[in-house]
Amino acid sequence: MNTILEYAQRNKSSFEMGGVSSNEIRFFTYEGKRYILKTPLMTRDDFSPFWTMMRKVFGYSVNEQNSSLHNIYNTLKANPHIKVAPFVAANEDASVFEFVEGTAWDNDFFPKGKKNAYTLGQFIGYNHRTKYDYSGLLGVSKGDLFFENARRYIEDCISEHWSGDDDADKKVRGCYEQIKDKKLSNSGNSLIMVDICADQFLFCDENIVACVDLDAYVIGPVEWELSFLHYQVEDWDEFKAGYETYCEMPSFEEVSKLFFLLMALSSYDNKAAIDGYWAALLEE
């Protein structure tokens, strides 16, 4: 399979360009079969506020994540509820997946529909049913240091980027003041996607058909993923019913503020984000 990756990296400039976000996406055909080449655009932590947060909170870099995609894929492919784009090969610099038919959803919020919500709930519940005694990169145990690392990152990030007198800075500091002395906890660590949203899946007639983004999957508090999904899924009762075919739904209202704040802080290169999507989350 490395032959395909070598071919793709060598010839990528001739491939059809797809979307561009944290990865450059290109489509190509090899021996009559269609594939997708994903090349991270920000491979140094200091190029990306989000990956700086990931490294400091969960203890690994985007390069390490890329090299470990096979572990994540092998875990997710066993999930019977939503298929995962077949993983082919990866190194620190790129990854190749088989092409999957479907339509991208250019929105964080999942399409309405009870079937969607129930299926997504089953998919997430299935992933959460397996608990780990550590946080961080799947298969690399350094201990469960999530809350300790999170508080340290928040304080360092506020000191460096959010110590001014404008409203956004004051909002961030005020949010941290509400939670900094609380003894926050979680119900267990499982495989979660830190930046979970609808645009990481493919759809057919607005029904979820595949998970196509394995970046930012990590072992961490299940409440993190549930907090964001609660904001993004309209039919929450149906999601909960699907989820509880595998796991009891934990309480996450209080600890969710920590997760929202971490993601808001990881937008320090774009403070306007605080007054948009993340601000709405922080006010929930």
Foldseek 3Di string as FASTA:
>chain_A
DVVVVVVCVVPVVPFDWDDDDQWTWGWDDDPRFIKIKTFGPDQDCVVALVQVLQCQQQNDGLLVLQQCVVVLQVVLCPQPQAHAFAWDDTHSGMGMTGDDDFAFDPDQAADADLVQLLSVLLSLLVQVLDFDQDKHAPPDHPGHCRVVSLLVVLVVLLVVQQVDDDPLSVVLVVLCVVPVPPDDDADGWGWAAQSHGRRQFGHDVSHTHYGYDPPRTITDGSLNRVLSNVVRYPPNVSSCVSSVVRDHDDDNVPVNSSSLSSVQSSVSVPSVVCVPDSVVSNVD
